[in-house]
């Protein structure tokens, strides 16, 4: 049940991010959704990576300097998350 809820939210967020520019607060909400999904453990690594790519490619409007700095920190965290997933998947294939 939780897995399907995350998938539905991912799909809606992906649609919103690909159709329009979004403000940082909305983007940050999607980032938090992703972190919650990762912590829950019910979403597959492939779904996580796909959503991370959508977050990274979204056109985000930051208004303040602190928002922009937080956005950059979040992007670095997303890169680390993808690296971790890729490393874990590489080790499991061996």
PDB file of N, CA and C in Angstrom:
ATOM      1  N   UNK A   1       0.820  -1.190   0.000  1.00  0.00           N
ATOM      2  CA  UNK A   1       0.000   0.000   0.000  1.00  0.00           C
ATOM      3  C   UNK A   1       0.870   1.262   0.000  1.00  0.00           C
ATOM      4  N   UNK A   2       1.861   1.313   0.902  1.00  0.00           N
ATOM      5  CA  UNK A   2       2.748   2.466   0.968  1.00  0.00           C
ATOM      6  C   UNK A   2       3.525   2.628  -0.336  1.00  0.00           C
ATOM      7  N   UNK A   3       3.940   1.522  -0.908  1.00  0.00           N
ATOM      8  CA  UNK A   3       4.669   1.547  -2.174  1.00  0.00           C
ATOM      9  C   UNK A   3       3.823   2.199  -3.265  1.00  0.00           C
ATOM     10  N   UNK A   4       2.552   1.826  -3.365  1.00  0.00           N
ATOM     11  CA  UNK A   4       1.693   2.398  -4.407  1.00  0.00           C
ATOM     12  C   UNK A   4       1.441   3.886  -4.144  1.00  0.00           C
ATOM     13  N   UNK A   5       1.378   4.287  -2.871  1.00  0.00           N
ATOM     14  CA  UNK A   5       1.206   5.701  -2.559  1.00  0.00           C
ATOM     15  C   UNK A   5       2.413   6.509  -3.013  1.00  0.00           C
ATOM     16  N   UNK A   6       3.617   6.001  -2.755  1.00  0.00           N
ATOM     17  CA  UNK A   6       4.817   6.693  -3.203  1.00  0.00           C
ATOM     18  C   UNK A   6       4.859   6.754  -4.730  1.00  0.00           C
ATOM     19  N   UNK A   7       4.504   5.654  -5.384  1.00  0.00           N
ATOM     20  CA  UNK A   7       4.528   5.647  -6.848  1.00  0.00           C
ATOM     21  C   UNK A   7       3.571   6.690  -7.415  1.00  0.00           C
ATOM     22  N   UNK A   8       2.387   6.795  -6.844  1.00  0.00           N
ATOM     23  CA  UNK A   8       1.414   7.788  -7.308  1.00  0.00           C
ATOM     24  C   UNK A   8       1.947   9.203  -7.106  1.00  0.00           C
ATOM     25  N   UNK A   9       2.535   9.456  -5.951  1.00  0.00           N
ATOM     26  CA  UNK A   9       3.085  10.784  -5.677  1.00  0.00           C
ATOM     27  C   UNK A   9       4.269  11.084  -6.595  1.00  0.00           C
ATOM     28  N   UNK A  10       5.106  10.074  -6.860  1.00  0.00           N
ATOM     29  CA  UNK A  10       6.230  10.243  -7.777  1.00  0.00           C
ATOM     30  C   UNK A  10       5.727  10.616  -9.166  1.00  0.00           C
ATOM     31  N   UNK A  11       4.688   9.909  -9.632  1.00  0.00           N
ATOM     32  CA  UNK A  11       4.155  10.175 -10.964  1.00  0.00           C
ATOM     33  C   UNK A  11       3.593  11.593 -11.068  1.00  0.00           C
ATOM     34  N   UNK A  12       2.832  12.013 -10.082  1.00  0.00           N
ATOM     35  CA  UNK A  12       2.271  13.361 -10.086  1.00  0.00           C
ATOM     36  C   UNK A  12       3.386  14.404 -10.033  1.00  0.00           C
ATOM     37  N   UNK A  13       4.357  14.204  -9.157  1.00  0.00           N
ATOM     38  CA  UNK A  13       5.469  15.151  -9.039  1.00  0.00           C
ATOM     39  C   UNK A  13       6.259  15.220 -10.333  1.00  0.00           C
ATOM     40  N   UNK A  14       6.500  14.081 -10.964  1.00  0.00           N
ATOM     41  CA  UNK A  14       7.232  14.051 -12.220  1.00  0.00           C
ATOM     42  C   UNK A  14       6.489  14.839 -13.285  1.00  0.00           C
ATOM     43  N   UNK A  15       5.184  14.674 -13.341  1.00  0.00           N
ATOM     44  CA  UNK A  15       4.389  15.418 -14.304  1.00  0.00           C
ATOM     45  C   UNK A  15       4.526  16.920 -14.069  1.00  0.00           C
ATOM     46  N   UNK A  16       4.373  17.338 -12.833  1.00  0.00           N
ATOM     47  CA  UNK A  16       4.458  18.767 -12.500  1.00  0.00           C
ATOM     48  C   UNK A  16       5.834  19.311 -12.851  1.00  0.00           C
ATOM     49  N   UNK A  17       6.892  18.570 -12.516  1.00  0.00           N
ATOM     50  CA  UNK A  17       8.255  19.048 -12.760  1.00  0.00           C
ATOM     51  C   UNK A  17       8.587  19.137 -14.240  1.00  0.00           C
ATOM     52  N   UNK A  18       8.010  18.262 -15.049  1.00  0.00           N
ATOM     53  CA  UNK A  18       8.346  18.276 -16.471  1.00  0.00           C
ATOM     54  C   UNK A  18       7.497  19.261 -17.265  1.00  0.00           C
ATOM     55  N   UNK A  19       6.358  19.641 -16.742  1.00  0.00           N
ATOM     56  CA  UNK A  19       5.453  20.521 -17.470  1.00  0.00           C
ATOM     57  C   UNK A  19       5.746  21.994 -17.208  1.00  0.00           C
ATOM     58  N   UNK A  20       6.193  22.327 -16.019  1.00  0.00           N
ATOM     59  CA  UNK A  20       6.338  23.744 -15.677  1.00  0.00           C
ATOM     60  C   UNK A  20       7.554  24.002 -14.812  1.00  0.00           C
ATOM     61  N   UNK A  21       7.931  25.257 -14.750  1.00  0.00           N
ATOM     62  CA  UNK A  21       8.936  25.678 -13.775  1.00  0.00           C
ATOM     63  C   UNK A  21       8.281  25.602 -12.402  1.00  0.00           C
ATOM     64  N   UNK A  22       9.042  25.202 -11.418  1.00  0.00           N
ATOM     65  CA  UNK A  22       8.469  25.119 -10.071  1.00  0.00           C
ATOM     66  C   UNK A  22       9.309  25.944  -9.111  1.00  0.00           C
ATOM     67  N   UNK A  23       8.662  26.433  -8.077  1.00  0.00           N
ATOM     68  CA  UNK A  23       9.420  27.197  -7.087  1.00  0.00           C
ATOM     69  C   UNK A  23      10.147  26.230  -6.155  1.00  0.00           C
ATOM     70  N   UNK A  24      11.110  26.767  -5.457  1.00  0.00           N
ATOM     71  CA  UNK A  24      11.961  25.934  -4.605  1.00  0.00           C
ATOM     72  C   UNK A  24      11.158  25.199  -3.541  1.00  0.00           C
ATOM     73  N   UNK A  25      10.168  25.856  -2.950  1.00  0.00           N
ATOM     74  CA  UNK A  25       9.415  25.220  -1.870  1.00  0.00           C
ATOM     75  C   UNK A  25       8.701  23.961  -2.355  1.00  0.00           C
ATOM     76  N   UNK A  26       8.148  24.013  -3.550  1.00  0.00           N
ATOM     77  CA  UNK A  26       7.479  22.835  -4.108  1.00  0.00           C
ATOM     78  C   UNK A  26       8.531  21.749  -4.393  1.00  0.00           C
ATOM     79  N   UNK A  27       9.661  22.159  -4.985  1.00  0.00           N
ATOM     80  CA  UNK A  27      10.729  21.220  -5.288  1.00  0.00           C
ATOM     81  C   UNK A  27      11.245  20.565  -4.008  1.00  0.00           C
ATOM     82  N   UNK A  28      11.419  21.372  -2.967  1.00  0.00           N
ATOM     83  CA  UNK A  28      11.893  20.857  -1.693  1.00  0.00           C
ATOM     84  C   UNK A  28      10.899  19.840  -1.118  1.00  0.00           C
ATOM     85  N   UNK A  29       9.615  20.067  -1.332  1.00  0.00           N
ATOM     86  CA  UNK A  29       8.606  19.101  -0.901  1.00  0.00           C
ATOM     87  C   UNK A  29       8.780  17.765  -1.613  1.00  0.00           C
ATOM     88  N   UNK A  30       9.111  17.827  -2.910  1.00  0.00           N
ATOM     89  CA  UNK A  30       9.365  16.593  -3.666  1.00  0.00           C
ATOM     90  C   UNK A  30      10.644  15.913  -3.170  1.00  0.00           C
ATOM     91  N   UNK A  31      11.635  16.709  -2.826  1.00  0.00           N
ATOM     92  CA  UNK A  31      12.883  16.174  -2.279  1.00  0.00           C
ATOM     93  C   UNK A  31      12.597  15.439  -0.968  1.00  0.00           C
ATOM     94  N   UNK A  32      11.801  16.037  -0.111  1.00  0.00           N
ATOM     95  CA  UNK A  32      11.434  15.403   1.166  1.00  0.00           C
ATOM     96  C   UNK A  32      10.646  14.121   0.918  1.00  0.00           C
ATOM     97  N   UNK A  33       9.755  14.139  -0.075  1.00  0.00           N
ATOM     98  CA  UNK A  33       9.023  12.931  -0.453  1.00  0.00           C
ATOM     99  C   UNK A  33       9.994  11.821  -0.835  1.00  0.00           C
ATOM    100  N   UNK A  34      11.009  12.160  -1.608  1.00  0.00           N
ATOM    101  CA  UNK A  34      12.013  11.172  -2.006  1.00  0.00           C
ATOM    102  C   UNK A  34      12.739  10.615  -0.785  1.00  0.00           C
ATOM    103  N   UNK A  35      13.173  11.477   0.107  1.00  0.00           N
ATOM    104  CA  UNK A  35      13.895  11.029   1.301  1.00  0.00           C
ATOM    105  C   UNK A  35      13.007  10.113   2.143  1.00  0.00           C
ATOM    106  N   UNK A  36      11.733  10.467   2.279  1.00  0.00           N
ATOM    107  CA  UNK A  36      10.796   9.601   3.011  1.00  0.00           C
ATOM    108  C   UNK A  36      10.663   8.241   2.337  1.00  0.00           C
ATOM    109  N   UNK A  37      10.619   8.240   1.010  1.00  0.00           N
ATOM    110  CA  UNK A  37      10.516   6.978   0.268  1.00  0.00           C
ATOM    111  C   UNK A  37      11.758   6.122   0.475  1.00  0.00           C
ATOM    112  N   UNK A  38      12.918   6.751   0.443  1.00  0.00           N
ATOM    113  CA  UNK A  38      14.172   6.013   0.655  1.00  0.00           C
ATOM    114  C   UNK A  38      14.186   5.406   2.059  1.00  0.00           C
ATOM    115  N   UNK A  39      13.815   6.206   3.051  1.00  0.00           N
ATOM    116  CA  UNK A  39      13.811   5.726   4.435  1.00  0.00           C
ATOM    117  C   UNK A  39      12.805   4.612   4.665  1.00  0.00           C
ATOM    118  N   UNK A  40      11.693   4.633   3.928  1.00  0.00           N
ATOM    119  CA  UNK A  40      10.664   3.612   4.111  1.00  0.00           C
ATOM    120  C   UNK A  40      11.121   2.252   3.602  1.00  0.00           C
ATOM    121  N   UNK A  41      11.993   2.274   2.585  1.00  0.00           N
ATOM    122  CA  UNK A  41      12.498   1.023   2.031  1.00  0.00           C
ATOM    123  C   UNK A  41      11.522   0.288   1.133  1.00  0.00           C
ATOM    124  N   UNK A  42      10.406   0.898   0.779  1.00  0.00           N
ATOM    125  CA  UNK A  42       9.416   0.193  -0.045  1.00  0.00           C
ATOM    126  C   UNK A  42       9.516   0.544  -1.526  1.00  0.00           C
ATOM    127  N   UNK A  43      10.390   1.485  -1.863  1.00  0.00           N
ATOM    128  CA  UNK A  43      10.534   1.900  -3.252  1.00  0.00           C
ATOM    129  C   UNK A  43      11.827   1.296  -3.789  1.00  0.00           C
ATOM    130  N   UNK A  44      11.782   0.796  -5.008  1.00  0.00           N
ATOM    131  CA  UNK A  44      12.950   0.135  -5.592  1.00  0.00           C
ATOM    132  C   UNK A  44      14.045   1.142  -5.919  1.00  0.00           C
ATOM    133  N   UNK A  45      15.285   0.666  -5.953  1.00  0.00           N
ATOM    134  CA  UNK A  45      16.387   1.559  -6.329  1.00  0.00           C
ATOM    135  C   UNK A  45      16.188   2.189  -7.713  1.00  0.00           C
ATOM    136  N   UNK A  46      15.596   1.446  -8.642  1.00  0.00           N
ATOM    137  CA  UNK A  46      15.357   1.972  -9.981  1.00  0.00           C
ATOM    138  C   UNK A  46      14.369   3.138  -9.946  1.00  0.00           C
ATOM    139  N   UNK A  47      13.333   3.013  -9.117  1.00  0.00           N
ATOM    140  CA  UNK A  47      12.353   4.093  -8.987  1.00  0.00           C
ATOM    141  C   UNK A  47      12.984   5.317  -8.323  1.00  0.00           C
ATOM    142  N   UNK A  48      13.840   5.070  -7.357  1.00  0.00           N
ATOM    143  CA  UNK A  48      14.526   6.169  -6.688  1.00  0.00           C
ATOM    144  C   UNK A  48      15.416   6.911  -7.676  1.00  0.00           C
ATOM    145  N   UNK A  49      16.214   6.177  -8.422  1.00  0.00           N
ATOM    146  CA  UNK A  49      17.122   6.800  -9.391  1.00  0.00           C
ATOM    147  C   UNK A  49      16.331   7.590 -10.437  1.00  0.00           C
ATOM    148  N   UNK A  50      15.237   7.033 -10.912  1.00  0.00           N
ATOM    149  CA  UNK A  50      14.421   7.740 -11.908  1.00  0.00           C
ATOM    150  C   UNK A  50      13.878   9.041 -11.331  1.00  0.00           C
ATOM    151  N   UNK A  51      13.411   9.009 -10.090  1.00  0.00           N
ATOM    152  CA  UNK A  51      12.867  10.218  -9.481  1.00  0.00           C
ATOM    153  C   UNK A  51      13.969  11.235  -9.200  1.00  0.00           C
ATOM    154  N   UNK A  52      15.140  10.767  -8.793  1.00  0.00           N
ATOM    155  CA  UNK A  52      16.273  11.677  -8.578  1.00  0.00           C
ATOM    156  C   UNK A  52      16.608  12.394  -9.876  1.00  0.00           C
ATOM    157  N   UNK A  53      16.613  11.667 -10.975  1.00  0.00           N
ATOM    158  CA  UNK A  53      16.899  12.300 -12.271  1.00  0.00           C
ATOM    159  C   UNK A  53      15.863  13.360 -12.606  1.00  0.00           C
ATOM    160  N   UNK A  54      14.609  13.083 -12.287  1.00  0.00           N
ATOM    161  CA  UNK A  54      13.564  14.084 -12.521  1.00  0.00           C
ATOM    162  C   UNK A  54      13.776  15.316 -11.646  1.00  0.00           C
ATOM    163  N   UNK A  55      14.143  15.104 -10.391  1.00  0.00           N
ATOM    164  CA  UNK A  55      14.418  16.232  -9.503  1.00  0.00           C
ATOM    165  C   UNK A  55      15.585  17.074 -10.027  1.00  0.00           C
ATOM    166  N   UNK A  56      16.624  16.399 -10.484  1.00  0.00           N
ATOM    167  CA  UNK A  56      17.808  17.106 -10.963  1.00  0.00           C
ATOM    168  C   UNK A  56      17.532  17.874 -12.251  1.00  0.00           C
ATOM    169  N   UNK A  57      16.623  17.396 -13.061  1.00  0.00           N
ATOM    170  CA  UNK A  57      16.367  18.059 -14.343  1.00  0.00           C
ATOM    171  C   UNK A  57      15.245  19.091 -14.274  1.00  0.00           C
ATOM    172  N   UNK A  58      14.588  19.200 -13.138  1.00  0.00           N
ATOM    173  CA  UNK A  58      13.486  20.162 -12.993  1.00  0.00           C
ATOM    174  C   UNK A  58      14.018  21.591 -13.090  1.00  0.00           C
ATOM    175  N   UNK A  59      13.198  22.451 -13.628  1.00  0.00           N
ATOM    176  CA  UNK A  59      13.528  23.864 -13.699  1.00  0.00           C
ATOM    177  C   UNK A  59      13.023  24.535 -12.427  1.00  0.00           C
ATOM    178  N   UNK A  60      13.958  24.798 -11.512  1.00  0.00           N
ATOM    179  CA  UNK A  60      13.612  25.283 -10.177  1.00  0.00           C
ATOM    180  C   UNK A  60      13.933  26.767 -10.069  1.00  0.00           C
ATOM    181  N   UNK A  61      12.970  27.514  -9.538  1.00  0.00           N
ATOM    182  CA  UNK A  61      13.163  28.946  -9.324  1.00  0.00           C
ATOM    183  C   UNK A  61      13.433  29.194  -7.843  1.00  0.00           C
ATOM    184  N   UNK A  62      14.634  29.673  -7.558  1.00  0.00           N
ATOM    185  CA  UNK A  62      14.951  30.072  -6.187  1.00  0.00           C
ATOM    186  C   UNK A  62      14.887  31.589  -6.118  1.00  0.00           C
ATOM    187  N   UNK A  63      14.397  32.097  -5.010  1.00  0.00           N
ATOM    188  CA  UNK A  63      14.224  33.543  -4.875  1.00  0.00           C
ATOM    189  C   UNK A  63      15.299  34.148  -3.985  1.00  0.00           C
ATOM    190  N   UNK A  64      15.597  33.473  -2.897  1.00  0.00           N
ATOM    191  CA  UNK A  64      16.568  34.015  -1.951  1.00  0.00           C
ATOM    192  C   UNK A  64      17.892  33.262  -2.040  1.00  0.00           C
ATOM    193  N   UNK A  65      18.915  33.879  -1.527  1.00  0.00           N
ATOM    194  CA  UNK A  65      20.232  33.225  -1.495  1.00  0.00           C
ATOM    195  C   UNK A  65      20.197  31.965  -0.632  1.00  0.00           C
ATOM    196  N   UNK A  66      19.572  31.992   0.559  1.00  0.00           N
ATOM    197  CA  UNK A  66      19.494  30.753   1.348  1.00  0.00           C
ATOM    198  C   UNK A  66      18.763  29.622   0.610  1.00  0.00           C
ATOM    199  N   UNK A  67      17.712  29.956  -0.136  1.00  0.00           N
ATOM    200  CA  UNK A  67      17.026  28.926  -0.926  1.00  0.00           C
ATOM    201  C   UNK A  67      17.970  28.337  -1.956  1.00  0.00           C
ATOM    202  N   UNK A  68      18.712  29.189  -2.636  1.00  0.00           N
ATOM    203  CA  UNK A  68      19.641  28.713  -3.660  1.00  0.00           C
ATOM    204  C   UNK A  68      20.726  27.822  -3.042  1.00  0.00           C
ATOM    205  N   UNK A  69      21.236  28.227  -1.889  1.00  0.00           N
ATOM    206  CA  UNK A  69      22.252  27.423  -1.210  1.00  0.00           C
ATOM    207  C   UNK A  69      21.690  26.078  -0.767  1.00  0.00           C
ATOM    208  N   UNK A  70      20.467  26.072  -0.261  1.00  0.00           N
ATOM    209  CA  UNK A  70      19.820  24.816   0.140  1.00  0.00           C
ATOM    210  C   UNK A  70      19.590  23.922  -1.076  1.00  0.00           C
ATOM    211  N   UNK A  71      19.201  24.524  -2.178  1.00  0.00           N
ATOM    212  CA  UNK A  71      19.002  23.782  -3.424  1.00  0.00           C
ATOM    213  C   UNK A  71      20.309  23.101  -3.839  1.00  0.00           C
ATOM    214  N   UNK A  72      21.407  23.840  -3.802  1.00  0.00           N
ATOM    215  CA  UNK A  72      22.702  23.259  -4.178  1.00  0.00           C
ATOM    216  C   UNK A  72      23.112  22.137  -3.235  1.00  0.00           C
ATOM    217  N   UNK A  73      22.852  22.299  -1.928  1.00  0.00           N
ATOM    218  CA  UNK A  73      23.155  21.222  -0.966  1.00  0.00           C
ATOM    219  C   UNK A  73      22.313  19.983  -1.276  1.00  0.00           C
ATOM    220  N   UNK A  74      21.066  20.199  -1.612  1.00  0.00           N
ATOM    221  CA  UNK A  74      20.176  19.079  -1.927  1.00  0.00           C
ATOM    222  C   UNK A  74      20.625  18.359  -3.185  1.00  0.00           C
ATOM    223  N   UNK A  75      21.074  19.108  -4.192  1.00  0.00           N
ATOM    224  CA  UNK A  75      21.578  18.495  -5.424  1.00  0.00           C
ATOM    225  C   UNK A  75      22.790  17.614  -5.111  1.00  0.00           C
ATOM    226  N   UNK A  76      23.683  18.096  -4.253  1.00  0.00           N
ATOM    227  CA  UNK A  76      24.843  17.283  -3.861  1.00  0.00           C
ATOM    228  C   UNK A  76      24.396  16.011  -3.151  1.00  0.00           C
ATOM    229  N   UNK A  77      23.379  16.124  -2.297  1.00  0.00           N
ATOM    230  CA  UNK A  77      22.857  14.948  -1.595  1.00  0.00           C
ATOM    231  C   UNK A  77      22.238  13.964  -2.591  1.00  0.00           C
ATOM    232  N   UNK A  78      21.566  14.478  -3.619  1.00  0.00           N
ATOM    233  CA  UNK A  78      20.990  13.601  -4.650  1.00  0.00           C
ATOM    234  C   UNK A  78      22.095  12.873  -5.410  1.00  0.00           C
ATOM    235  N   UNK A  79      23.163  13.586  -5.738  1.00  0.00           N
ATOM    236  CA  UNK A  79      24.290  12.947  -6.424  1.00  0.00           C
ATOM    237  C   UNK A  79      24.886  11.832  -5.572  1.00  0.00           C
ATOM    238  N   UNK A  80      25.019  12.094  -4.281  1.00  0.00           N
ATOM    239  CA  UNK A  80      25.550  11.086  -3.361  1.00  0.00           C
ATOM    240  C   UNK A  80      24.611   9.881  -3.287  1.00  0.00           C
ATOM    241  N   UNK A  81      23.317  10.131  -3.278  1.00  0.00           N
ATOM    242  CA  UNK A  81      22.341   9.046  -3.235  1.00  0.00           C
ATOM    243  C   UNK A  81      22.453   8.158  -4.477  1.00  0.00           C
ATOM    244  N   UNK A  82      22.559   8.777  -5.649  1.00  0.00           N
ATOM    245  CA  UNK A  82      22.715   7.991  -6.886  1.00  0.00           C
ATOM    246  C   UNK A  82      24.015   7.205  -6.857  1.00  0.00           C
ATOM    247  N   UNK A  83      25.107   7.834  -6.414  1.00  0.00           N
ATOM    248  CA  UNK A  83      26.390   7.128  -6.320  1.00  0.00           C
ATOM    249  C   UNK A  83      26.289   5.927  -5.387  1.00  0.00           C
ATOM    250  N   UNK A  84      25.622   6.098  -4.263  1.00  0.00           N
ATOM    251  CA  UNK A  84      25.458   5.015  -3.295  1.00  0.00           C
ATOM    252  C   UNK A  84      24.647   3.872  -3.890  1.00  0.00           C
ATOM    253  N   UNK A  85      23.557   4.202  -4.562  1.00  0.00           N
ATOM    254  CA  UNK A  85      22.727   3.162  -5.188  1.00  0.00           C
ATOM    255  C   UNK A  85      23.522   2.433  -6.265  1.00  0.00           C
ATOM    256  N   UNK A  86      24.245   3.169  -7.095  1.00  0.00           N
ATOM    257  CA  UNK A  86      25.040   2.543  -8.150  1.00  0.00           C
ATOM    258  C   UNK A  86      26.111   1.637  -7.563  1.00  0.00           C
ATOM    259  N   UNK A  87      26.741   2.083  -6.487  1.00  0.00           N
ATOM    260  CA  UNK A  87      27.777   1.269  -5.844  1.00  0.00           C
ATOM    261  C   UNK A  87      27.164   0.000  -5.240  1.00  0.00           C
ATOM    262  N   UNK A  88      26.023   0.143  -4.567  1.00  0.00           N
ATOM    263  CA  UNK A  88      25.356  -1.021  -3.966  1.00  0.00           C
ATOM    264  C   UNK A  88      24.895  -2.007  -5.031  1.00  0.00           C
ATOM    265  N   UNK A  89      24.391  -1.514  -6.135  1.00  0.00           N
ATOM    266  CA  UNK A  89      23.945  -2.409  -7.199  1.00  0.00           C
ATOM    267  C   UNK A  89      25.143  -3.095  -7.854  1.00  0.00           C
ATOM    268  N   UNK A  90      26.266  -2.393  -7.970  1.00  0.00           N
ATOM    269  CA  UNK A  90      27.465  -2.993  -8.524  1.00  0.00           C
ATOM    270  C   UNK A  90      27.992  -4.100  -7.649  1.00  0.00           C
ATOM    271  N   UNK A  91      27.948  -3.914  -6.340  1.00  0.00           N
ATOM    272  CA  UNK A  91      28.421  -4.932  -5.416  1.00  0.00           C
ATOM    273  C   UNK A  91      27.493  -6.127  -5.394  1.00  0.00           C
ATOM    274  N   UNK A  92      26.199  -5.909  -5.556  1.00  0.00           N
ATOM    275  CA  UNK A  92      25.269  -7.029  -5.512  1.00  0.00           C
ATOM    276  C   UNK A  92      25.338  -7.872  -6.779  1.00  0.00           C
ATOM    277  N   UNK A  93      25.844  -7.309  -7.851  1.00  0.00           N
ATOM    278  CA  UNK A  93      25.967  -8.073  -9.107  1.00  0.00           C
ATOM    279  C   UNK A  93      27.177  -8.992  -9.090  1.00  0.00           C
ATOM    280  N   UNK A  94      28.126  -8.686  -8.232  1.00  0.00           N
ATOM    281  CA  UNK A  94      29.366  -9.490  -8.196  1.00  0.00           C
ATOM    282  C   UNK A  94      29.181 -10.783  -7.501  1.00  0.00           C
TER     283      UNK A  94
END
